[in-house]
Each structure stands twice: as structure tokens, then as C-alpha cells.
PDB file of N, CA and C in Angstrom:
ATOM      1  N   UNK A   1       0.835  -1.213  -0.074  1.00  0.00           N
ATOM      2  CA  UNK A   1      -0.081   0.079   0.030  1.00  0.00           C
ATOM      3  C   UNK A   1       1.000   1.245  -0.006  1.00  0.00           C
ATOM      4  N   UNK A   2       0.457   2.154  -0.760  1.00  0.00           N
ATOM      5  CA  UNK A   2       1.373   3.528  -0.910  1.00  0.00           C
ATOM      6  C   UNK A   2       1.482   4.082   0.514  1.00  0.00           C
ATOM      7  N   UNK A   3       2.756   4.575   0.785  1.00  0.00           N
ATOM      8  CA  UNK A   3       3.052   5.112   2.086  1.00  0.00           C
ATOM      9  C   UNK A   3       3.525   4.129   3.191  1.00  0.00           C
ATOM     10  N   UNK A   4       3.340   2.935   3.045  1.00  0.00           N
ATOM     11  CA  UNK A   4       3.728   1.854   4.033  1.00  0.00           C
ATOM     12  C   UNK A   4       5.124   1.260   3.646  1.00  0.00           C
ATOM     13  N   UNK A   5       5.949   1.216   4.641  1.00  0.00           N
ATOM     14  CA  UNK A   5       7.242   0.649   4.367  1.00  0.00           C
ATOM     15  C   UNK A   5       7.287  -0.852   4.748  1.00  0.00           C
ATOM     16  N   UNK A   6       7.536  -1.742   3.885  1.00  0.00           N
ATOM     17  CA  UNK A   6       7.479  -3.155   4.141  1.00  0.00           C
ATOM     18  C   UNK A   6       8.680  -3.579   5.147  1.00  0.00           C
ATOM     19  N   UNK A   7       9.659  -2.931   5.194  1.00  0.00           N
ATOM     20  CA  UNK A   7      10.706  -3.142   5.893  1.00  0.00           C
ATOM     21  C   UNK A   7      10.639  -2.792   7.371  1.00  0.00           C
ATOM     22  N   UNK A   8       9.579  -2.318   7.756  1.00  0.00           N
ATOM     23  CA  UNK A   8       9.133  -2.095   9.220  1.00  0.00           C
ATOM     24  C   UNK A   8       7.926  -2.590   9.634  1.00  0.00           C
ATOM     25  N   UNK A   9       7.029  -3.165   8.731  1.00  0.00           N
ATOM     26  CA  UNK A   9       5.758  -3.758   9.021  1.00  0.00           C
ATOM     27  C   UNK A   9       6.006  -5.178   9.405  1.00  0.00           C
ATOM     28  N   UNK A  10       5.681  -5.688  10.500  1.00  0.00           N
ATOM     29  CA  UNK A  10       5.729  -7.085  10.903  1.00  0.00           C
ATOM     30  C   UNK A  10       4.582  -7.915  10.361  1.00  0.00           C
ATOM     31  N   UNK A  11       4.728  -9.028   9.776  1.00  0.00           N
ATOM     32  CA  UNK A  11       3.709  -9.798   9.345  1.00  0.00           C
ATOM     33  C   UNK A  11       3.040 -10.407  10.634  1.00  0.00           C
ATOM     34  N   UNK A  12       1.688 -10.459  10.545  1.00  0.00           N
ATOM     35  CA  UNK A  12       0.945 -11.007  11.797  1.00  0.00           C
ATOM     36  C   UNK A  12       1.050 -12.449  12.020  1.00  0.00           C
ATOM     37  N   UNK A  13       1.415 -13.177  10.988  1.00  0.00           N
ATOM     38  CA  UNK A  13       1.795 -14.705  11.110  1.00  0.00           C
ATOM     39  C   UNK A  13       2.967 -15.157  11.371  1.00  0.00           C
ATOM     40  N   UNK A  14       3.922 -14.347  10.892  1.00  0.00           N
ATOM     41  CA  UNK A  14       5.494 -14.762  11.075  1.00  0.00           C
ATOM     42  C   UNK A  14       6.370 -13.803  11.738  1.00  0.00           C
ATOM     43  N   UNK A  15       5.773 -12.565  11.925  1.00  0.00           N
ATOM     44  CA  UNK A  15       6.621 -11.571  12.490  1.00  0.00           C
ATOM     45  C   UNK A  15       7.858 -11.055  11.690  1.00  0.00           C
ATOM     46  N   UNK A  16       8.196 -11.560  10.614  1.00  0.00           N
ATOM     47  CA  UNK A  16       9.193 -11.186   9.814  1.00  0.00           C
ATOM     48  C   UNK A  16       8.888  -9.793   9.047  1.00  0.00           C
ATOM     49  N   UNK A  17       9.831  -9.161   8.758  1.00  0.00           N
ATOM     50  CA  UNK A  17       9.645  -7.855   7.964  1.00  0.00           C
ATOM     51  C   UNK A  17      10.140  -7.975   6.517  1.00  0.00           C
ATOM     52  N   UNK A  18       9.464  -7.232   5.512  1.00  0.00           N
ATOM     53  CA  UNK A  18       9.884  -7.266   4.256  1.00  0.00           C
ATOM     54  C   UNK A  18       9.170  -8.232   3.360  1.00  0.00           C
ATOM     55  N   UNK A  19       9.026  -8.070   2.127  1.00  0.00           N
ATOM     56  CA  UNK A  19       8.287  -8.967   1.254  1.00  0.00           C
ATOM     57  C   UNK A  19       7.107  -8.381   0.734  1.00  0.00           C
ATOM     58  N   UNK A  20       6.232  -9.285   0.179  1.00  0.00           N
ATOM     59  CA  UNK A  20       4.869  -8.958  -0.357  1.00  0.00           C
ATOM     60  C   UNK A  20       3.757  -8.945   0.565  1.00  0.00           C
ATOM     61  N   UNK A  21       3.079  -8.104   0.950  1.00  0.00           N
ATOM     62  CA  UNK A  21       1.979  -8.018   2.106  1.00  0.00           C
ATOM     63  C   UNK A  21       0.768  -7.741   1.410  1.00  0.00           C
ATOM     64  N   UNK A  22      -0.276  -8.118   2.314  1.00  0.00           N
ATOM     65  CA  UNK A  22      -1.730  -7.784   1.979  1.00  0.00           C
ATOM     66  C   UNK A  22      -2.364  -7.413   3.444  1.00  0.00           C
ATOM     67  N   UNK A  23      -3.098  -6.393   3.309  1.00  0.00           N
ATOM     68  CA  UNK A  23      -3.819  -5.890   4.515  1.00  0.00           C
ATOM     69  C   UNK A  23      -4.790  -6.979   4.987  1.00  0.00           C
ATOM     70  N   UNK A  24      -4.876  -7.053   6.459  1.00  0.00           N
ATOM     71  CA  UNK A  24      -5.812  -7.939   7.115  1.00  0.00           C
ATOM     72  C   UNK A  24      -7.164  -7.071   7.172  1.00  0.00           C
ATOM     73  N   UNK A  25      -8.108  -7.733   7.843  1.00  0.00           N
ATOM     74  CA  UNK A  25      -9.369  -7.014   8.128  1.00  0.00           C
ATOM     75  C   UNK A  25      -9.330  -6.202   9.261  1.00  0.00           C
ATOM     76  N   UNK A  26      -8.211  -6.409  10.151  1.00  0.00           N
ATOM     77  CA  UNK A  26      -7.990  -5.429  11.296  1.00  0.00           C
ATOM     78  C   UNK A  26      -7.061  -4.453  10.719  1.00  0.00           C
ATOM     79  N   UNK A  27      -7.612  -3.309  11.037  1.00  0.00           N
ATOM     80  CA  UNK A  27      -6.953  -1.885  10.658  1.00  0.00           C
ATOM     81  C   UNK A  27      -5.536  -1.865  11.044  1.00  0.00           C
ATOM     82  N   UNK A  28      -4.369  -1.687  10.125  1.00  0.00           N
ATOM     83  CA  UNK A  28      -3.145  -1.366  10.489  1.00  0.00           C
ATOM     84  C   UNK A  28      -2.363  -2.726  10.569  1.00  0.00           C
ATOM     85  N   UNK A  29      -3.039  -3.869  10.245  1.00  0.00           N
ATOM     86  CA  UNK A  29      -2.164  -5.242  10.424  1.00  0.00           C
ATOM     87  C   UNK A  29      -2.116  -5.773   9.082  1.00  0.00           C
ATOM     88  N   UNK A  30      -0.919  -6.398   8.801  1.00  0.00           N
ATOM     89  CA  UNK A  30      -0.506  -6.842   7.593  1.00  0.00           C
ATOM     90  C   UNK A  30      -0.010  -8.321   7.623  1.00  0.00           C
ATOM     91  N   UNK A  31      -0.217  -9.078   6.487  1.00  0.00           N
ATOM     92  CA  UNK A  31       0.532 -10.378   6.437  1.00  0.00           C
ATOM     93  C   UNK A  31       1.081 -10.684   5.146  1.00  0.00           C
ATOM     94  N   UNK A  32       2.102 -11.479   5.041  1.00  0.00           N
ATOM     95  CA  UNK A  32       2.854 -11.872   3.856  1.00  0.00           C
ATOM     96  C   UNK A  32       1.835 -12.664   3.196  1.00  0.00           C
ATOM     97  N   UNK A  33       1.784 -12.352   1.791  1.00  0.00           N
ATOM     98  CA  UNK A  33       0.987 -13.296   0.891  1.00  0.00           C
ATOM     99  C   UNK A  33       1.392 -14.757   1.054  1.00  0.00           C
ATOM    100  N   UNK A  34       2.529 -15.154   1.214  1.00  0.00           N
ATOM    101  CA  UNK A  34       3.175 -16.420   1.379  1.00  0.00           C
ATOM    102  C   UNK A  34       2.639 -17.037   2.575  1.00  0.00           C
ATOM    103  N   UNK A  35       2.607 -16.424   3.788  1.00  0.00           N
ATOM    104  CA  UNK A  35       2.148 -16.964   4.988  1.00  0.00           C
ATOM    105  C   UNK A  35       0.657 -17.105   4.953  1.00  0.00           C
ATOM    106  N   UNK A  36      -0.091 -16.038   4.511  1.00  0.00           N
ATOM    107  CA  UNK A  36      -1.495 -16.280   4.489  1.00  0.00           C
ATOM    108  C   UNK A  36      -2.022 -17.325   3.658  1.00  0.00           C
ATOM    109  N   UNK A  37      -1.403 -17.479   2.315  1.00  0.00           N
ATOM    110  CA  UNK A  37      -1.799 -18.525   1.418  1.00  0.00           C
ATOM    111  C   UNK A  37      -1.527 -19.875   2.046  1.00  0.00           C
ATOM    112  N   UNK A  38      -0.431 -20.019   2.869  1.00  0.00           N
ATOM    113  CA  UNK A  38      -0.257 -21.488   3.245  1.00  0.00           C
ATOM    114  C   UNK A  38      -1.113 -21.720   4.637  1.00  0.00           C
ATOM    115  N   UNK A  39      -1.641 -20.623   5.260  1.00  0.00           N
ATOM    116  CA  UNK A  39      -2.375 -20.962   6.528  1.00  0.00           C
ATOM    117  C   UNK A  39      -3.817 -21.243   6.164  1.00  0.00           C
ATOM    118  N   UNK A  40      -4.214 -22.586   6.569  1.00  0.00           N
ATOM    119  CA  UNK A  40      -5.423 -23.113   6.235  1.00  0.00           C
ATOM    120  C   UNK A  40      -6.686 -22.291   6.795  1.00  0.00           C
ATOM    121  N   UNK A  41      -6.438 -21.564   7.927  1.00  0.00           N
ATOM    122  CA  UNK A  41      -7.650 -20.861   8.446  1.00  0.00           C
ATOM    123  C   UNK A  41      -7.517 -19.292   8.092  1.00  0.00           C
ATOM    124  N   UNK A  42      -6.635 -18.928   7.302  1.00  0.00           N
ATOM    125  CA  UNK A  42      -6.694 -17.615   6.865  1.00  0.00           C
ATOM    126  C   UNK A  42      -7.422 -17.605   5.552  1.00  0.00           C
ATOM    127  N   UNK A  43      -8.308 -16.639   5.365  1.00  0.00           N
ATOM    128  CA  UNK A  43      -9.039 -16.497   4.152  1.00  0.00           C
ATOM    129  C   UNK A  43      -9.394 -15.060   3.598  1.00  0.00           C
ATOM    130  N   UNK A  44      -9.622 -14.837   2.444  1.00  0.00           N
ATOM    131  CA  UNK A  44      -9.922 -13.521   1.767  1.00  0.00           C
ATOM    132  C   UNK A  44     -11.243 -12.992   2.018  1.00  0.00           C
ATOM    133  N   UNK A  45     -11.499 -11.936   2.467  1.00  0.00           N
ATOM    134  CA  UNK A  45     -12.722 -11.100   2.629  1.00  0.00           C
ATOM    135  C   UNK A  45     -12.664  -9.674   1.797  1.00  0.00           C
ATOM    136  N   UNK A  46     -13.220  -9.559   0.820  1.00  0.00           N
ATOM    137  CA  UNK A  46     -13.081  -8.267   0.202  1.00  0.00           C
ATOM    138  C   UNK A  46     -11.756  -7.905  -0.109  1.00  0.00           C
ATOM    139  N   UNK A  47     -10.834  -8.751  -0.464  1.00  0.00           N
ATOM    140  CA  UNK A  47      -9.380  -8.364  -0.708  1.00  0.00           C
ATOM    141  C   UNK A  47      -8.516  -8.225   0.525  1.00  0.00           C
ATOM    142  N   UNK A  48      -8.973  -8.523   1.582  1.00  0.00           N
ATOM    143  CA  UNK A  48      -8.305  -8.431   2.977  1.00  0.00           C
ATOM    144  C   UNK A  48      -8.131  -9.768   3.629  1.00  0.00           C
ATOM    145  N   UNK A  49      -7.209 -10.178   4.114  1.00  0.00           N
ATOM    146  CA  UNK A  49      -7.134 -11.450   4.935  1.00  0.00           C
ATOM    147  C   UNK A  49      -7.760 -11.278   6.383  1.00  0.00           C
ATOM    148  N   UNK A  50      -8.563 -12.357   6.594  1.00  0.00           N
ATOM    149  CA  UNK A  50      -9.372 -12.547   7.717  1.00  0.00           C
ATOM    150  C   UNK A  50      -8.320 -13.562   8.482  1.00  0.00           C
ATOM    151  N   UNK A  51      -7.929 -13.172   9.732  1.00  0.00           N
ATOM    152  CA  UNK A  51      -7.104 -14.185  10.559  1.00  0.00           C
ATOM    153  C   UNK A  51      -7.820 -14.636  11.901  1.00  0.00           C
ATOM    154  N   UNK A  52      -8.843 -14.131  12.112  1.00  0.00           N
ATOM    155  CA  UNK A  52      -9.638 -14.621  13.287  1.00  0.00           C
ATOM    156  C   UNK A  52      -9.771 -16.007  13.624  1.00  0.00           C
ATOM    157  N   UNK A  53      -9.764 -16.927  12.559  1.00  0.00           N
ATOM    158  CA  UNK A  53      -9.855 -18.314  12.843  1.00  0.00           C
ATOM    159  C   UNK A  53      -8.592 -19.060  12.804  1.00  0.00           C
ATOM    160  N   UNK A  54      -7.478 -18.396  12.669  1.00  0.00           N
ATOM    161  CA  UNK A  54      -5.989 -19.098  12.728  1.00  0.00           C
ATOM    162  C   UNK A  54      -5.871 -19.574  14.244  1.00  0.00           C
ATOM    163  N   UNK A  55      -5.657 -20.746  14.479  1.00  0.00           N
ATOM    164  CA  UNK A  55      -5.500 -21.301  15.807  1.00  0.00           C
ATOM    165  C   UNK A  55      -4.189 -20.836  16.293  1.00  0.00           C
ATOM    166  N   UNK A  56      -4.239 -20.315  17.550  1.00  0.00           N
ATOM    167  CA  UNK A  56      -3.164 -19.687  18.211  1.00  0.00           C
ATOM    168  C   UNK A  56      -2.150 -20.738  18.600  1.00  0.00           C
ATOM    169  N   UNK A  57      -2.507 -21.941  18.764  1.00  0.00           N
ATOM    170  CA  UNK A  57      -1.758 -22.941  19.095  1.00  0.00           C
ATOM    171  C   UNK A  57      -0.448 -23.110  17.991  1.00  0.00           C
ATOM    172  N   UNK A  58      -0.819 -22.741  16.605  1.00  0.00           N
ATOM    173  CA  UNK A  58       0.183 -22.621  15.669  1.00  0.00           C
ATOM    174  C   UNK A  58       1.447 -21.907  15.966  1.00  0.00           C
ATOM    175  N   UNK A  59       1.245 -21.010  16.868  1.00  0.00           N
ATOM    176  CA  UNK A  59       2.480 -20.201  17.228  1.00  0.00           C
ATOM    177  C   UNK A  59       3.443 -20.892  18.232  1.00  0.00           C
ATOM    178  N   UNK A  60       2.879 -22.009  18.683  1.00  0.00           N
ATOM    179  CA  UNK A  60       3.654 -22.605  19.825  1.00  0.00           C
ATOM    180  C   UNK A  60       4.418 -23.849  19.188  1.00  0.00           C
ATOM    181  N   UNK A  61       4.128 -24.206  17.999  1.00  0.00           N
ATOM    182  CA  UNK A  61       4.630 -25.544  17.405  1.00  0.00           C
ATOM    183  C   UNK A  61       6.139 -25.193  16.818  1.00  0.00           C
ATOM    184  N   UNK A  62       7.009 -26.192  17.198  1.00  0.00           N
ATOM    185  CA  UNK A  62       8.281 -26.182  16.707  1.00  0.00           C
ATOM    186  C   UNK A  62       8.526 -26.492  15.301  1.00  0.00           C
ATOM    187  N   UNK A  63       9.171 -25.681  14.527  1.00  0.00           N
ATOM    188  CA  UNK A  63       9.436 -25.818  13.200  1.00  0.00           C
ATOM    189  C   UNK A  63      10.502 -26.959  12.997  1.00  0.00           C
ATOM    190  N   UNK A  64      10.324 -28.000  12.105  1.00  0.00           N
ATOM    191  CA  UNK A  64      11.134 -29.011  11.839  1.00  0.00           C
ATOM    192  C   UNK A  64      12.434 -28.588  10.934  1.00  0.00           C
ATOM    193  N   UNK A  65      12.307 -27.425  10.471  1.00  0.00           N
ATOM    194  CA  UNK A  65      13.364 -26.924   9.689  1.00  0.00           C
ATOM    195  C   UNK A  65      14.455 -26.115  10.304  1.00  0.00           C
ATOM    196  N   UNK A  66      13.865 -25.105  11.130  1.00  0.00           N
ATOM    197  CA  UNK A  66      14.799 -24.271  11.861  1.00  0.00           C
ATOM    198  C   UNK A  66      14.843 -24.486  13.232  1.00  0.00           C
ATOM    199  N   UNK A  67      14.017 -25.519  13.658  1.00  0.00           N
ATOM    200  CA  UNK A  67      13.934 -26.111  15.057  1.00  0.00           C
ATOM    201  C   UNK A  67      13.592 -24.874  16.066  1.00  0.00           C
ATOM    202  N   UNK A  68      12.849 -24.074  15.806  1.00  0.00           N
ATOM    203  CA  UNK A  68      12.507 -22.861  16.680  1.00  0.00           C
ATOM    204  C   UNK A  68      11.156 -22.818  16.825  1.00  0.00           C
ATOM    205  N   UNK A  69      10.567 -22.195  17.964  1.00  0.00           N
ATOM    206  CA  UNK A  69       9.399 -21.650  18.207  1.00  0.00           C
ATOM    207  C   UNK A  69       9.621 -20.067  18.354  1.00  0.00           C
ATOM    208  N   UNK A  70       9.557 -19.453  17.092  1.00  0.00           N
ATOM    209  CA  UNK A  70       9.934 -18.123  17.211  1.00  0.00           C
ATOM    210  C   UNK A  70       8.771 -17.105  16.972  1.00  0.00           C
ATOM    211  N   UNK A  71       7.692 -17.240  17.628  1.00  0.00           N
ATOM    212  CA  UNK A  71       6.537 -16.437  17.487  1.00  0.00           C
ATOM    213  C   UNK A  71       5.872 -16.391  16.047  1.00  0.00           C
ATOM    214  N   UNK A  72       6.204 -17.446  15.293  1.00  0.00           N
ATOM    215  CA  UNK A  72       5.760 -17.540  13.990  1.00  0.00           C
ATOM    216  C   UNK A  72       4.802 -18.860  13.786  1.00  0.00           C
ATOM    217  N   UNK A  73       3.787 -18.565  13.125  1.00  0.00           N
ATOM    218  CA  UNK A  73       2.782 -19.747  12.804  1.00  0.00           C
ATOM    219  C   UNK A  73       3.450 -20.896  12.025  1.00  0.00           C
ATOM    220  N   UNK A  74       3.269 -22.121  12.413  1.00  0.00           N
ATOM    221  CA  UNK A  74       3.654 -23.158  11.690  1.00  0.00           C
ATOM    222  C   UNK A  74       2.407 -23.888  10.983  1.00  0.00           C
ATOM    223  N   UNK A  75       2.723 -24.573   9.884  1.00  0.00           N
ATOM    224  CA  UNK A  75       1.714 -25.212   9.236  1.00  0.00           C
ATOM    225  C   UNK A  75       2.239 -26.784   9.461  1.00  0.00           C
ATOM    226  N   UNK A  76       1.135 -27.671   9.392  1.00  0.00           N
ATOM    227  CA  UNK A  76       1.346 -29.076   9.750  1.00  0.00           C
ATOM    228  C   UNK A  76       1.038 -29.951   8.581  1.00  0.00           C
ATOM    229  N   UNK A  77       1.856 -30.984   8.328  1.00  0.00           N
ATOM    230  CA  UNK A  77       1.559 -31.992   7.338  1.00  0.00           C
ATOM    231  C   UNK A  77       0.056 -32.584   7.677  1.00  0.00           C
ATOM    232  N   UNK A  78      -0.776 -32.774   6.611  1.00  0.00           N
ATOM    233  CA  UNK A  78      -2.052 -33.308   6.811  1.00  0.00           C
ATOM    234  C   UNK A  78      -2.087 -34.834   6.410  1.00  0.00           C
ATOM    235  N   UNK A  79      -0.991 -35.340   6.115  1.00  0.00           N
ATOM    236  CA  UNK A  79      -0.962 -36.876   5.861  1.00  0.00           C
ATOM    237  C   UNK A  79      -1.083 -37.482   7.007  1.00  0.00           C
ATOM    238  N   UNK A  80      -2.013 -38.648   7.004  1.00  0.00           N
ATOM    239  CA  UNK A  80      -2.206 -39.485   8.258  1.00  0.00           C
ATOM    240  C   UNK A  80      -1.017 -39.779   9.067  1.00  0.00           C
ATOM    241  N   UNK A  81      -1.091 -39.505  10.343  1.00  0.00           N
ATOM    242  CA  UNK A  81      -0.001 -39.735  11.340  1.00  0.00           C
ATOM    243  C   UNK A  81       1.332 -39.066  11.107  1.00  0.00           C
ATOM    244  N   UNK A  82       1.367 -38.096  10.282  1.00  0.00           N
ATOM    245  CA  UNK A  82       2.632 -37.269  10.111  1.00  0.00           C
ATOM    246  C   UNK A  82       2.584 -36.268  11.078  1.00  0.00           C
ATOM    247  N   UNK A  83       3.734 -35.982  11.714  1.00  0.00           N
ATOM    248  CA  UNK A  83       3.703 -34.911  12.654  1.00  0.00           C
ATOM    249  C   UNK A  83       4.683 -33.743  12.286  1.00  0.00           C
ATOM    250  N   UNK A  84       5.078 -33.758  10.941  1.00  0.00           N
ATOM    251  CA  UNK A  84       6.076 -32.801  10.541  1.00  0.00           C
ATOM    252  C   UNK A  84       5.383 -31.370  10.612  1.00  0.00           C
ATOM    253  N   UNK A  85       6.061 -30.273  10.831  1.00  0.00           N
ATOM    254  CA  UNK A  85       5.562 -28.950  10.758  1.00  0.00           C
ATOM    255  C   UNK A  85       6.614 -27.981  10.332  1.00  0.00           C
ATOM    256  N   UNK A  86       6.258 -26.990  10.031  1.00  0.00           N
ATOM    257  CA  UNK A  86       7.158 -25.924   9.498  1.00  0.00           C
ATOM    258  C   UNK A  86       6.692 -24.679   9.296  1.00  0.00           C
ATOM    259  N   UNK A  87       7.549 -23.509   9.417  1.00  0.00           N
ATOM    260  CA  UNK A  87       7.121 -22.211   9.139  1.00  0.00           C
ATOM    261  C   UNK A  87       6.888 -22.157   7.578  1.00  0.00           C
ATOM    262  N   UNK A  88       5.971 -21.474   6.948  1.00  0.00           N
ATOM    263  CA  UNK A  88       6.056 -21.283   5.468  1.00  0.00           C
ATOM    264  C   UNK A  88       7.346 -20.618   4.876  1.00  0.00           C
ATOM    265  N   UNK A  89       7.925 -19.592   5.646  1.00  0.00           N
ATOM    266  CA  UNK A  89       9.099 -19.109   5.007  1.00  0.00           C
ATOM    267  C   UNK A  89      10.307 -20.073   5.239  1.00  0.00           C
ATOM    268  N   UNK A  90      10.401 -20.863   6.176  1.00  0.00           N
ATOM    269  CA  UNK A  90      11.400 -21.793   6.150  1.00  0.00           C
ATOM    270  C   UNK A  90      11.271 -22.957   4.985  1.00  0.00           C
ATOM    271  N   UNK A  91      10.002 -23.327   4.714  1.00  0.00           N
ATOM    272  CA  UNK A  91       9.837 -24.086   3.583  1.00  0.00           C
ATOM    273  C   UNK A  91      10.317 -23.395   2.239  1.00  0.00           C
ATOM    274  N   UNK A  92       9.854 -22.227   2.116  1.00  0.00           N
ATOM    275  CA  UNK A  92      10.220 -21.373   0.955  1.00  0.00           C
ATOM    276  C   UNK A  92      11.811 -21.294   0.834  1.00  0.00           C
ATOM    277  N   UNK A  93      12.549 -21.028   1.844  1.00  0.00           N
ATOM    278  CA  UNK A  93      13.880 -20.753   1.913  1.00  0.00           C
ATOM    279  C   UNK A  93      14.644 -22.016   1.685  1.00  0.00           C
ATOM    280  N   UNK A  94      14.047 -23.235   1.996  1.00  0.00           N
ATOM    281  CA  UNK A  94      14.720 -24.525   1.989  1.00  0.00           C
ATOM    282  C   UNK A  94      14.913 -25.092   0.584  1.00  0.00           C
ATOM    283  N   UNK A  95      14.168 -24.720  -0.242  1.00  0.00           N
ATOM    284  CA  UNK A  95      14.268 -25.063  -1.756  1.00  0.00           C
ATOM    285  C   UNK A  95      15.462 -24.480  -2.538  1.00  0.00           C
TER     286      UNK A  95
END
């Protein structure tokens, strides 16, 4: 958005700064397109991401790539009995 500096705006799902953002339904809050598209509970409403259904437990899950719980949402494998989880940015950077 014009006038907003992406290098100082934290993403509401990963807390990283910089990158491609989209505004959330909550005024002044932004998310990375990458993070929101990977988060199953995030969805678009009138071109804004709605995050109210994101399970807060996702912020407590340990990433299998960086091995950290760093105040970022993790996604989890949905294959039966798989316990793997990772931050969307870690998956993106690992390729």
C-alpha cells in the first residue's frame, strides 16, 4: 500500500519484515501473501485477509526446519499420522 514501508511492518503470522504484503481485516495489520496462502484458517474477505480463525496453538509449534518456536505460525502436514511442521518461510527458503 502506498506510504507503507514493508521493511518496518511485521507480518501478523510470522513477525518477519519485508516482502509482499496484503492488509488484514484488522486496521493497520498486514500479512505476507506467502504466510496467509499457506495458513488453512486464513481467508480473503473483500481483498483483505481474515485471521480470526487461525489457531493460536500454531504459534507454539516447533518448526522441523529451523527447530525454533519463534512467534511464527507453523503449518502441519495433513498426511495421516505425520507430525512434521514448519514455518512457511522456512519451507520457501529451504528449496
